C-alpha cells in the first residue's frame, strides 16, 4: 500500500494577493483642480520661455515666432558685456548677503539679551521690512540728493562733497546699503526665532563649566542655530539673485553701468529693446543660477542633518 505525499517544495504555493490599486482619495480629488491650475501657471510659461529662447519674437502685426536656432544662446555666450553683468551681480549678491547675515545676527543677539522692552524694540526693528522696495529706493534717492539730502549733508560734513548716485563706486555702495537696510530685519527675525529655541540648561551647563559669553556663543549658541542661519541665507539668496526694484528706481543701472546687474539687463532687453528671444535666454540663465544656489544650500542642510 503506497501513499502519495507531496514535498513542501513541490506543493502548490498560495497565490500572492495582488497589490492594491492606488486610488485618489477625497483629499486628492479636492486638490486636483488647484494642482492643475498651478501646473498650468508654471509649466506653460516655462515652455513658452524655452520656445522663445530659440526664436525671434516679432510684435508688429501680432505676436509671431520665427525659429532662430541657437543664435540667441550663441549671442549670450559671446556678449562681451554679459560677463561684467554677471560679475557685478555676484559682487552685489555677496555684499548684500554677507552684510545682512552679519548685521542680522548681531541685532538678533542684542534683542535676545534684552529683558525689558524687547517687543517694542523688535517692532521698530522690523519696520523697514514692511516698506515696499520701490519706496525704499525713492526714500534713499531723496536722502542722498546732493541739494536737499540729509545723508549728502552728513557726508559733506565728513569731507565727501560729490553726488552719491553720480559716482560709480558710491552709487553701487548706496544701492547695496539700501538693500541691507531693508532686509537685515528679516535675518534678525529668523535668527531671533532660532535663538529662543536654544535650550537654557545647555547654556547654564556651559556657564557652570566656566565658559564665557564669547565661548558660549561660539561653541553652544551658533552651532545650535546653524540650520536656522542656513534657511535665512537661502531665503535671502533666492531674492537677492533677482533683485531689481531699488536699483531701477535710484540709478536705472547707471552711472556708466556701475549698478547694472543681470535683472536690470533682463528688463532692458525685454521691455526697452523688445528683444524677447534674448531676454528669454537671460531669464533661463538666471533660473539655472537660482537652482544651483538653492541646491547648494539644501545639500548643506542635508549634510548637517546627517552629521547630527
C-alpha atoms as a PDB file:
ATOM      1  CA  UNK A   1       0.000   0.000   0.000  1.00  0.00           C
ATOM      2  CA  UNK A   2       1.507   3.282  -1.076  1.00  0.00           C
ATOM      3  CA  UNK A   3       0.564   6.801  -0.203  1.00  0.00           C
ATOM      4  CA  UNK A   4       1.184   9.834  -2.351  1.00  0.00           C
ATOM      5  CA  UNK A   5       2.881  12.604  -0.390  1.00  0.00           C
ATOM      6  CA  UNK A   6       3.901  15.973  -1.701  1.00  0.00           C
ATOM      7  CA  UNK A   7       7.099  17.597  -0.568  1.00  0.00           C
ATOM      8  CA  UNK A   8       6.955  21.177   0.683  1.00  0.00           C
ATOM      9  CA  UNK A   9       8.937  22.278  -2.333  1.00  0.00           C
ATOM     10  CA  UNK A  10       6.565  20.768  -4.823  1.00  0.00           C
ATOM     11  CA  UNK A  11       3.375  21.699  -3.063  1.00  0.00           C
ATOM     12  CA  UNK A  12       1.411  24.417  -4.739  1.00  0.00           C
ATOM     13  CA  UNK A  13       2.000  27.722  -3.069  1.00  0.00           C
ATOM     14  CA  UNK A  14      -0.923  30.009  -2.408  1.00  0.00           C
ATOM     15  CA  UNK A  15      -1.136  32.831  -4.877  1.00  0.00           C
ATOM     16  CA  UNK A  16       0.144  36.126  -3.552  1.00  0.00           C
ATOM     17  CA  UNK A  17      -2.508  38.796  -3.298  1.00  0.00           C
ATOM     18  CA  UNK A  18      -2.273  41.428  -5.966  1.00  0.00           C
ATOM     19  CA  UNK A  19      -1.096  44.824  -4.700  1.00  0.00           C
ATOM     20  CA  UNK A  20      -3.977  47.141  -4.047  1.00  0.00           C
ATOM     21  CA  UNK A  21      -4.596  49.736  -6.677  1.00  0.00           C
ATOM     22  CA  UNK A  22      -3.820  53.257  -5.664  1.00  0.00           C
ATOM     23  CA  UNK A  23      -6.886  55.370  -5.831  1.00  0.00           C
ATOM     24  CA  UNK A  24      -7.154  59.088  -5.497  1.00  0.00           C
ATOM     25  CA  UNK A  25      -8.896  59.793  -2.246  1.00  0.00           C
ATOM     26  CA  UNK A  26     -11.266  62.576  -1.376  1.00  0.00           C
ATOM     27  CA  UNK A  27      -8.413  64.930  -0.444  1.00  0.00           C
ATOM     28  CA  UNK A  28      -6.668  64.287  -3.739  1.00  0.00           C
ATOM     29  CA  UNK A  29      -9.813  64.934  -5.746  1.00  0.00           C
ATOM     30  CA  UNK A  30     -10.385  68.198  -3.914  1.00  0.00           C
ATOM     31  CA  UNK A  31      -6.798  69.320  -4.547  1.00  0.00           C
ATOM     32  CA  UNK A  32      -6.709  68.245  -8.195  1.00  0.00           C
ATOM     33  CA  UNK A  33      -8.208  71.466  -9.673  1.00  0.00           C
ATOM     34  CA  UNK A  34      -5.805  73.657  -7.726  1.00  0.00           C
ATOM     35  CA  UNK A  35      -2.810  71.494  -8.670  1.00  0.00           C
ATOM     36  CA  UNK A  36      -3.856  71.539 -12.330  1.00  0.00           C
ATOM     37  CA  UNK A  37      -4.210  75.326 -12.259  1.00  0.00           C
ATOM     38  CA  UNK A  38      -0.830  75.716 -10.558  1.00  0.00           C
ATOM     39  CA  UNK A  39       0.773  73.433 -13.143  1.00  0.00           C
ATOM     40  CA  UNK A  40      -0.788  75.472 -15.961  1.00  0.00           C
ATOM     41  CA  UNK A  41       0.534  78.707 -14.432  1.00  0.00           C
ATOM     42  CA  UNK A  42       4.075  77.345 -14.094  1.00  0.00           C
ATOM     43  CA  UNK A  43       4.641  74.763 -16.829  1.00  0.00           C
ATOM     44  CA  UNK A  44       3.075  76.676 -19.715  1.00  0.00           C
ATOM     45  CA  UNK A  45       5.051  79.926 -19.133  1.00  0.00           C
ATOM     46  CA  UNK A  46       8.248  77.909 -18.737  1.00  0.00           C
ATOM     47  CA  UNK A  47       7.679  76.063 -22.001  1.00  0.00           C
ATOM     48  CA  UNK A  48       6.870  79.379 -23.694  1.00  0.00           C
ATOM     49  CA  UNK A  49      10.116  80.946 -22.489  1.00  0.00           C
ATOM     50  CA  UNK A  50      12.109  77.940 -23.691  1.00  0.00           C
ATOM     51  CA  UNK A  51      10.495  78.207 -27.134  1.00  0.00           C
ATOM     52  CA  UNK A  52      11.153  81.967 -27.217  1.00  0.00           C
ATOM     53  CA  UNK A  53      14.831  81.404 -26.429  1.00  0.00           C
ATOM     54  CA  UNK A  54      15.156  79.574 -29.770  1.00  0.00           C
ATOM     55  CA  UNK A  55      13.104  82.100 -31.715  1.00  0.00           C
ATOM     56  CA  UNK A  56      12.951  85.661 -32.904  1.00  0.00           C
ATOM     57  CA  UNK A  57       9.865  87.328 -31.447  1.00  0.00           C
ATOM     58  CA  UNK A  58       8.032  89.875 -33.601  1.00  0.00           C
ATOM     59  CA  UNK A  59       5.291  92.113 -32.219  1.00  0.00           C
ATOM     60  CA  UNK A  60       4.324  94.135 -35.292  1.00  0.00           C
ATOM     61  CA  UNK A  61       1.115  92.841 -36.810  1.00  0.00           C
ATOM     62  CA  UNK A  62       0.562  90.442 -33.942  1.00  0.00           C
ATOM     63  CA  UNK A  63       2.778  88.101 -31.988  1.00  0.00           C
ATOM     64  CA  UNK A  64       4.837  85.765 -34.172  1.00  0.00           C
ATOM     65  CA  UNK A  65       7.790  83.473 -33.533  1.00  0.00           C
ATOM     66  CA  UNK A  66      10.435  82.680 -36.132  1.00  0.00           C
ATOM     67  CA  UNK A  67      12.771  79.811 -35.378  1.00  0.00           C
ATOM     68  CA  UNK A  68      16.307  81.157 -34.890  1.00  0.00           C
ATOM     69  CA  UNK A  69      18.143  78.051 -33.750  1.00  0.00           C
ATOM     70  CA  UNK A  70      20.952  78.644 -31.283  1.00  0.00           C
ATOM     71  CA  UNK A  71      21.616  82.238 -32.312  1.00  0.00           C
ATOM     72  CA  UNK A  72      20.244  83.713 -29.066  1.00  0.00           C
ATOM     73  CA  UNK A  73      22.289  81.298 -26.968  1.00  0.00           C
ATOM     74  CA  UNK A  74      25.411  81.959 -29.024  1.00  0.00           C
ATOM     75  CA  UNK A  75      24.880  85.674 -28.516  1.00  0.00           C
ATOM     76  CA  UNK A  76      24.551  85.121 -24.765  1.00  0.00           C
ATOM     77  CA  UNK A  77      27.886  83.313 -24.506  1.00  0.00           C
ATOM     78  CA  UNK A  78      29.702  85.756 -26.806  1.00  0.00           C
ATOM     79  CA  UNK A  79      28.304  89.019 -25.446  1.00  0.00           C
ATOM     80  CA  UNK A  80      31.352  90.892 -24.061  1.00  0.00           C
ATOM     81  CA  UNK A  81      29.230  92.899 -21.598  1.00  0.00           C
ATOM     82  CA  UNK A  82      27.310  89.938 -20.172  1.00  0.00           C
ATOM     83  CA  UNK A  83      30.334  88.698 -18.240  1.00  0.00           C
ATOM     84  CA  UNK A  84      30.635  92.059 -16.463  1.00  0.00           C
ATOM     85  CA  UNK A  85      26.923  91.997 -15.635  1.00  0.00           C
ATOM     86  CA  UNK A  86      27.255  88.564 -14.031  1.00  0.00           C
ATOM     87  CA  UNK A  87      30.403  89.611 -12.161  1.00  0.00           C
ATOM     88  CA  UNK A  88      28.641  92.709 -10.863  1.00  0.00           C
ATOM     89  CA  UNK A  89      25.644  90.570  -9.870  1.00  0.00           C
ATOM     90  CA  UNK A  90      27.892  88.171  -7.963  1.00  0.00           C
ATOM     91  CA  UNK A  91      29.545  91.085  -6.135  1.00  0.00           C
ATOM     92  CA  UNK A  92      26.154  92.571  -5.269  1.00  0.00           C
ATOM     93  CA  UNK A  93      24.963  89.124  -4.138  1.00  0.00           C
ATOM     94  CA  UNK A  94      27.954  88.521  -1.853  1.00  0.00           C
ATOM     95  CA  UNK A  95      27.973  92.016  -0.331  1.00  0.00           C
ATOM     96  CA  UNK A  96      24.255  92.174   0.436  1.00  0.00           C
ATOM     97  CA  UNK A  97      24.023  88.651   1.843  1.00  0.00           C
ATOM     98  CA  UNK A  98      27.238  88.971   3.830  1.00  0.00           C
ATOM     99  CA  UNK A  99      26.322  92.290   5.430  1.00  0.00           C
ATOM    100  CA  UNK A 100      22.730  91.226   6.095  1.00  0.00           C
ATOM    101  CA  UNK A 101      23.815  87.999   7.765  1.00  0.00           C
ATOM    102  CA  UNK A 102      26.418  89.662   9.986  1.00  0.00           C
ATOM    103  CA  UNK A 103      24.231  92.622  10.970  1.00  0.00           C
ATOM    104  CA  UNK A 104      21.116  90.461  11.311  1.00  0.00           C
ATOM    105  CA  UNK A 105      22.824  88.036  13.702  1.00  0.00           C
ATOM    106  CA  UNK A 106      24.267  90.917  15.753  1.00  0.00           C
ATOM    107  CA  UNK A 107      20.878  92.631  16.014  1.00  0.00           C
ATOM    108  CA  UNK A 108      19.202  89.354  16.960  1.00  0.00           C
ATOM    109  CA  UNK A 109      21.759  88.755  19.712  1.00  0.00           C
ATOM    110  CA  UNK A 110      21.222  92.284  21.065  1.00  0.00           C
ATOM    111  CA  UNK A 111      17.432  91.870  21.114  1.00  0.00           C
ATOM    112  CA  UNK A 112      17.785  88.392  22.623  1.00  0.00           C
ATOM    113  CA  UNK A 113      19.757  89.839  25.534  1.00  0.00           C
ATOM    114  CA  UNK A 114      17.101  92.426  26.281  1.00  0.00           C
ATOM    115  CA  UNK A 115      14.951  91.842  29.321  1.00  0.00           C
ATOM    116  CA  UNK A 116      12.623  94.835  29.122  1.00  0.00           C
ATOM    117  CA  UNK A 117      11.201  96.481  26.035  1.00  0.00           C
ATOM    118  CA  UNK A 118      12.025  93.584  23.719  1.00  0.00           C
ATOM    119  CA  UNK A 119       8.682  93.699  21.892  1.00  0.00           C
ATOM    120  CA  UNK A 120       8.935  97.462  21.319  1.00  0.00           C
ATOM    121  CA  UNK A 121      12.496  97.244  20.016  1.00  0.00           C
ATOM    122  CA  UNK A 122      11.594  94.298  17.796  1.00  0.00           C
ATOM    123  CA  UNK A 123       8.578  96.126  16.367  1.00  0.00           C
ATOM    124  CA  UNK A 124      10.670  99.153  15.453  1.00  0.00           C
ATOM    125  CA  UNK A 125      13.429  96.932  14.078  1.00  0.00           C
ATOM    126  CA  UNK A 126      11.055  95.207  11.660  1.00  0.00           C
ATOM    127  CA  UNK A 127       9.616  98.410  10.174  1.00  0.00           C
ATOM    128  CA  UNK A 128      11.966  98.600   7.138  1.00  0.00           C
ATOM    129  CA  UNK A 129      10.997  95.085   6.119  1.00  0.00           C
ATOM    130  CA  UNK A 130       7.371  96.124   5.561  1.00  0.00           C
ATOM    131  CA  UNK A 131       8.217  99.029   3.249  1.00  0.00           C
ATOM    132  CA  UNK A 132       7.888  98.335  -0.467  1.00  0.00           C
ATOM    133  CA  UNK A 133      11.277  98.175  -2.221  1.00  0.00           C
ATOM    134  CA  UNK A 134      10.195 100.929  -4.612  1.00  0.00           C
ATOM    135  CA  UNK A 135       9.545 103.227  -1.661  1.00  0.00           C
ATOM    136  CA  UNK A 136      12.897 102.292  -0.165  1.00  0.00           C
ATOM    137  CA  UNK A 137      14.553 103.314  -3.411  1.00  0.00           C
ATOM    138  CA  UNK A 138      12.660 106.608  -3.558  1.00  0.00           C
ATOM    139  CA  UNK A 139      13.465 107.348   0.085  1.00  0.00           C
ATOM    140  CA  UNK A 140      17.131 106.547  -0.430  1.00  0.00           C
ATOM    141  CA  UNK A 141      17.241 108.680  -3.559  1.00  0.00           C
ATOM    142  CA  UNK A 142      15.778 111.593  -1.597  1.00  0.00           C
ATOM    143  CA  UNK A 143      18.185 111.167   1.329  1.00  0.00           C
ATOM    144  CA  UNK A 144      21.287 111.172  -0.891  1.00  0.00           C
ATOM    145  CA  UNK A 145      20.119 114.033  -3.108  1.00  0.00           C
ATOM    146  CA  UNK A 146      23.093 116.395  -3.484  1.00  0.00           C
ATOM    147  CA  UNK A 147      21.000 119.512  -2.771  1.00  0.00           C
ATOM    148  CA  UNK A 148      18.485 118.586  -0.074  1.00  0.00           C
ATOM    149  CA  UNK A 149      19.501 115.106   1.063  1.00  0.00           C
ATOM    150  CA  UNK A 150      20.246 114.559   4.734  1.00  0.00           C
ATOM    151  CA  UNK A 151      22.857 111.869   4.113  1.00  0.00           C
ATOM    152  CA  UNK A 152      24.539 114.020   1.462  1.00  0.00           C
ATOM    153  CA  UNK A 153      24.821 116.823   4.025  1.00  0.00           C
ATOM    154  CA  UNK A 154      26.310 114.432   6.589  1.00  0.00           C
ATOM    155  CA  UNK A 155      28.808 113.122   4.055  1.00  0.00           C
ATOM    156  CA  UNK A 156      29.700 116.673   3.131  1.00  0.00           C
ATOM    157  CA  UNK A 157      30.476 117.398   6.768  1.00  0.00           C
ATOM    158  CA  UNK A 158      32.778 114.371   6.735  1.00  0.00           C
ATOM    159  CA  UNK A 159      34.601 115.642   3.674  1.00  0.00           C
ATOM    160  CA  UNK A 160      32.773 113.949   0.792  1.00  0.00           C
ATOM    161  CA  UNK A 161      31.165 116.544  -1.454  1.00  0.00           C
ATOM    162  CA  UNK A 162      30.285 114.546  -4.578  1.00  0.00           C
ATOM    163  CA  UNK A 163      26.981 113.197  -5.816  1.00  0.00           C
ATOM    164  CA  UNK A 164      26.447 109.814  -4.191  1.00  0.00           C
ATOM    165  CA  UNK A 165      24.414 108.374  -7.059  1.00  0.00           C
ATOM    166  CA  UNK A 166      26.649 110.078  -9.629  1.00  0.00           C
ATOM    167  CA  UNK A 167      29.832 108.147  -8.872  1.00  0.00           C
ATOM    168  CA  UNK A 168      30.412 104.575  -9.967  1.00  0.00           C
ATOM    169  CA  UNK A 169      31.690 103.305  -6.620  1.00  0.00           C
ATOM    170  CA  UNK A 170      29.413 105.420  -4.412  1.00  0.00           C
ATOM    171  CA  UNK A 171      26.296 104.534  -6.418  1.00  0.00           C
ATOM    172  CA  UNK A 172      26.988 100.801  -6.092  1.00  0.00           C
ATOM    173  CA  UNK A 173      27.656 101.198  -2.362  1.00  0.00           C
ATOM    174  CA  UNK A 174      24.425 103.196  -1.984  1.00  0.00           C
ATOM    175  CA  UNK A 175      22.159 100.557  -3.561  1.00  0.00           C
ATOM    176  CA  UNK A 176      23.859  97.841  -1.503  1.00  0.00           C
ATOM    177  CA  UNK A 177      23.266  99.877   1.669  1.00  0.00           C
ATOM    178  CA  UNK A 178      19.579 100.370   0.796  1.00  0.00           C
ATOM    179  CA  UNK A 179      19.104  96.640   0.283  1.00  0.00           C
ATOM    180  CA  UNK A 180      20.894  95.870   3.547  1.00  0.00           C
ATOM    181  CA  UNK A 181      18.781  98.430   5.421  1.00  0.00           C
ATOM    182  CA  UNK A 182      15.558  96.861   4.202  1.00  0.00           C
ATOM    183  CA  UNK A 183      16.264  93.141   4.595  1.00  0.00           C
ATOM    184  CA  UNK A 184      18.578  92.921   7.598  1.00  0.00           C
ATOM    185  CA  UNK A 185      15.496  92.864   9.904  1.00  0.00           C
ATOM    186  CA  UNK A 186      14.307  89.662   8.166  1.00  0.00           C
ATOM    187  CA  UNK A 187      17.576  87.906   9.006  1.00  0.00           C
ATOM    188  CA  UNK A 188      17.362  89.256  12.546  1.00  0.00           C
ATOM    189  CA  UNK A 189      13.814  87.946  12.942  1.00  0.00           C
ATOM    190  CA  UNK A 190      14.674  84.445  11.698  1.00  0.00           C
ATOM    191  CA  UNK A 191      17.820  84.352  13.834  1.00  0.00           C
ATOM    192  CA  UNK A 192      15.919  85.521  16.909  1.00  0.00           C
ATOM    193  CA  UNK A 193      13.423  82.692  16.415  1.00  0.00           C
ATOM    194  CA  UNK A 194      16.330  80.258  16.398  1.00  0.00           C
ATOM    195  CA  UNK A 195      17.922  81.824  19.483  1.00  0.00           C
ATOM    196  CA  UNK A 196      14.746  81.393  21.509  1.00  0.00           C
ATOM    197  CA  UNK A 197      14.920  77.638  20.833  1.00  0.00           C
ATOM    198  CA  UNK A 198      18.430  77.212  22.301  1.00  0.00           C
ATOM    199  CA  UNK A 199      17.970  75.099  25.467  1.00  0.00           C
ATOM    200  CA  UNK A 200      18.502  77.075  28.662  1.00  0.00           C
ATOM    201  CA  UNK A 201      20.003  74.079  30.573  1.00  0.00           C
ATOM    202  CA  UNK A 202      22.679  73.826  27.892  1.00  0.00           C
ATOM    203  CA  UNK A 203      23.707  77.446  28.387  1.00  0.00           C
ATOM    204  CA  UNK A 204      23.598  77.075  32.181  1.00  0.00           C
ATOM    205  CA  UNK A 205      25.812  73.996  31.978  1.00  0.00           C
ATOM    206  CA  UNK A 206      28.319  75.921  29.867  1.00  0.00           C
ATOM    207  CA  UNK A 207      28.322  78.751  32.415  1.00  0.00           C
ATOM    208  CA  UNK A 208      28.937  76.295  35.254  1.00  0.00           C
ATOM    209  CA  UNK A 209      31.895  74.857  33.323  1.00  0.00           C
ATOM    210  CA  UNK A 210      33.436  78.319  33.233  1.00  0.00           C
ATOM    211  CA  UNK A 211      32.668  79.245  29.625  1.00  0.00           C
ATOM    212  CA  UNK A 212      32.494  82.957  28.952  1.00  0.00           C
ATOM    213  CA  UNK A 213      29.980  84.748  26.748  1.00  0.00           C
ATOM    214  CA  UNK A 214      32.135  84.525  23.645  1.00  0.00           C
ATOM    215  CA  UNK A 215      32.860  80.826  24.185  1.00  0.00           C
ATOM    216  CA  UNK A 216      29.190  80.098  24.822  1.00  0.00           C
ATOM    217  CA  UNK A 217      28.232  81.990  21.684  1.00  0.00           C
ATOM    218  CA  UNK A 218      30.860  80.286  19.549  1.00  0.00           C
ATOM    219  CA  UNK A 219      30.556  76.697  20.793  1.00  0.00           C
ATOM    220  CA  UNK A 220      26.948  76.486  22.011  1.00  0.00           C
ATOM    221  CA  UNK A 221      24.652  79.137  20.538  1.00  0.00           C
ATOM    222  CA  UNK A 222      25.860  79.448  16.942  1.00  0.00           C
ATOM    223  CA  UNK A 223      26.135  75.670  16.315  1.00  0.00           C
ATOM    224  CA  UNK A 224      22.617  75.255  17.726  1.00  0.00           C
ATOM    225  CA  UNK A 225      21.133  77.758  15.256  1.00  0.00           C
ATOM    226  CA  UNK A 226      23.318  76.898  12.231  1.00  0.00           C
ATOM    227  CA  UNK A 227      20.404  75.277  10.391  1.00  0.00           C
ATOM    228  CA  UNK A 228      18.268  78.354  11.026  1.00  0.00           C
ATOM    229  CA  UNK A 229      21.006  80.586   9.644  1.00  0.00           C
ATOM    230  CA  UNK A 230      21.241  78.432   6.518  1.00  0.00           C
ATOM    231  CA  UNK A 231      17.491  78.729   5.985  1.00  0.00           C
ATOM    232  CA  UNK A 232      17.691  82.500   6.370  1.00  0.00           C
ATOM    233  CA  UNK A 233      20.589  82.596   3.922  1.00  0.00           C
ATOM    234  CA  UNK A 234      18.611  80.505   1.427  1.00  0.00           C
ATOM    235  CA  UNK A 235      15.560  82.768   1.658  1.00  0.00           C
ATOM    236  CA  UNK A 236      17.562  85.921   1.039  1.00  0.00           C
ATOM    237  CA  UNK A 237      19.722  84.323  -1.661  1.00  0.00           C
ATOM    238  CA  UNK A 238      16.673  83.461  -3.764  1.00  0.00           C
ATOM    239  CA  UNK A 239      15.597  87.102  -3.619  1.00  0.00           C
ATOM    240  CA  UNK A 240      18.998  88.750  -3.984  1.00  0.00           C
ATOM    241  CA  UNK A 241      19.850  86.910  -7.209  1.00  0.00           C
ATOM    242  CA  UNK A 242      16.913  88.571  -8.967  1.00  0.00           C
ATOM    243  CA  UNK A 243      16.743  91.920  -7.156  1.00  0.00           C
ATOM    244  CA  UNK A 244      15.630  94.814  -9.318  1.00  0.00           C
ATOM    245  CA  UNK A 245      13.377  97.421  -7.672  1.00  0.00           C
ATOM    246  CA  UNK A 246      15.792  99.576  -5.687  1.00  0.00           C
ATOM    247  CA  UNK A 247      18.401  99.742  -8.443  1.00  0.00           C
ATOM    248  CA  UNK A 248      15.883 100.654 -11.119  1.00  0.00           C
ATOM    249  CA  UNK A 249      14.272 103.408  -9.035  1.00  0.00           C
ATOM    250  CA  UNK A 250      17.533 105.006  -7.931  1.00  0.00           C
ATOM    251  CA  UNK A 251      20.063 104.646 -10.761  1.00  0.00           C
ATOM    252  CA  UNK A 252      18.456 102.747 -13.689  1.00  0.00           C
ATOM    253  CA  UNK A 253      21.652 100.719 -13.790  1.00  0.00           C
ATOM    254  CA  UNK A 254      23.947 103.752 -14.062  1.00  0.00           C
ATOM    255  CA  UNK A 255      26.127 105.638 -13.918  1.00  0.00           C
ATOM    256  CA  UNK A 256      28.132 104.034 -16.741  1.00  0.00           C
ATOM    257  CA  UNK A 257      26.508 100.648 -15.986  1.00  0.00           C
ATOM    258  CA  UNK A 258      28.064 100.686 -12.494  1.00  0.00           C
ATOM    259  CA  UNK A 259      24.901  99.262 -10.897  1.00  0.00           C
ATOM    260  CA  UNK A 260      23.536  97.327 -13.867  1.00  0.00           C
ATOM    261  CA  UNK A 261      23.167  93.744 -12.708  1.00  0.00           C
ATOM    262  CA  UNK A 262      21.614  90.869 -14.664  1.00  0.00           C
ATOM    263  CA  UNK A 263      17.960  91.507 -13.656  1.00  0.00           C
ATOM    264  CA  UNK A 264      18.255  95.121 -14.828  1.00  0.00           C
ATOM    265  CA  UNK A 265      19.802  93.922 -18.098  1.00  0.00           C
ATOM    266  CA  UNK A 266      16.932  91.453 -18.488  1.00  0.00           C
ATOM    267  CA  UNK A 267      14.342  94.189 -18.019  1.00  0.00           C
ATOM    268  CA  UNK A 268      16.035  96.476 -20.523  1.00  0.00           C
ATOM    269  CA  UNK A 269      16.377  93.729 -23.110  1.00  0.00           C
ATOM    270  CA  UNK A 270      12.731  92.725 -22.851  1.00  0.00           C
ATOM    271  CA  UNK A 271      10.834  95.968 -22.268  1.00  0.00           C
ATOM    272  CA  UNK A 272      13.131  98.668 -23.638  1.00  0.00           C
ATOM    273  CA  UNK A 273      14.612  96.968 -26.699  1.00  0.00           C
ATOM    274  CA  UNK A 274      11.800  94.370 -27.107  1.00  0.00           C
ATOM    275  CA  UNK A 275      14.327  91.619 -27.790  1.00  0.00           C
ATOM    276  CA  UNK A 276      12.253  88.910 -26.132  1.00  0.00           C
ATOM    277  CA  UNK A 277      14.230  85.983 -27.547  1.00  0.00           C
ATOM    278  CA  UNK A 278      17.485  87.148 -25.986  1.00  0.00           C
ATOM    279  CA  UNK A 279      15.638  88.146 -22.805  1.00  0.00           C
ATOM    280  CA  UNK A 280      14.287  84.588 -22.547  1.00  0.00           C
ATOM    281  CA  UNK A 281      17.854  83.257 -22.639  1.00  0.00           C
ATOM    282  CA  UNK A 282      18.906  85.643 -19.859  1.00  0.00           C
ATOM    283  CA  UNK A 283      15.875  84.626 -17.802  1.00  0.00           C
ATOM    284  CA  UNK A 284      16.647  80.918 -18.199  1.00  0.00           C
ATOM    285  CA  UNK A 285      20.256  81.563 -17.169  1.00  0.00           C
ATOM    286  CA  UNK A 286      19.020  83.353 -14.037  1.00  0.00           C
ATOM    287  CA  UNK A 287      16.713  80.418 -13.311  1.00  0.00           C
ATOM    288  CA  UNK A 288      19.620  77.998 -13.635  1.00  0.00           C
ATOM    289  CA  UNK A 289      21.748  80.126 -11.296  1.00  0.00           C
ATOM    290  CA  UNK A 290      18.915  80.193  -8.734  1.00  0.00           C
ATOM    291  CA  UNK A 291      18.546  76.409  -8.904  1.00  0.00           C
ATOM    292  CA  UNK A 292      22.290  75.904  -8.396  1.00  0.00           C
ATOM    293  CA  UNK A 293      22.342  78.230  -5.379  1.00  0.00           C
ATOM    294  CA  UNK A 294      19.245  76.609  -3.859  1.00  0.00           C
ATOM    295  CA  UNK A 295      20.638  73.101  -4.350  1.00  0.00           C
ATOM    296  CA  UNK A 296      23.912  74.149  -2.715  1.00  0.00           C
ATOM    297  CA  UNK A 297      22.184  75.348   0.435  1.00  0.00           C
ATOM    298  CA  UNK A 298      19.859  72.350   0.538  1.00  0.00           C
ATOM    299  CA  UNK A 299      22.838  69.986   0.349  1.00  0.00           C
ATOM    300  CA  UNK A 300      24.497  71.873   3.178  1.00  0.00           C
ATOM    301  CA  UNK A 301      21.343  71.433   5.269  1.00  0.00           C
ATOM    302  CA  UNK A 302      21.233  67.716   4.415  1.00  0.00           C
ATOM    303  CA  UNK A 303      24.855  67.237   5.392  1.00  0.00           C
ATOM    304  CA  UNK A 304      24.334  68.963   8.727  1.00  0.00           C
ATOM    305  CA  UNK A 305      21.271  66.810   9.344  1.00  0.00           C
ATOM    306  CA  UNK A 306      23.240  63.625   8.557  1.00  0.00           C
ATOM    307  CA  UNK A 307      26.141  64.781  10.732  1.00  0.00           C
ATOM    308  CA  UNK A 308      23.795  65.096  13.648  1.00  0.00           C
END
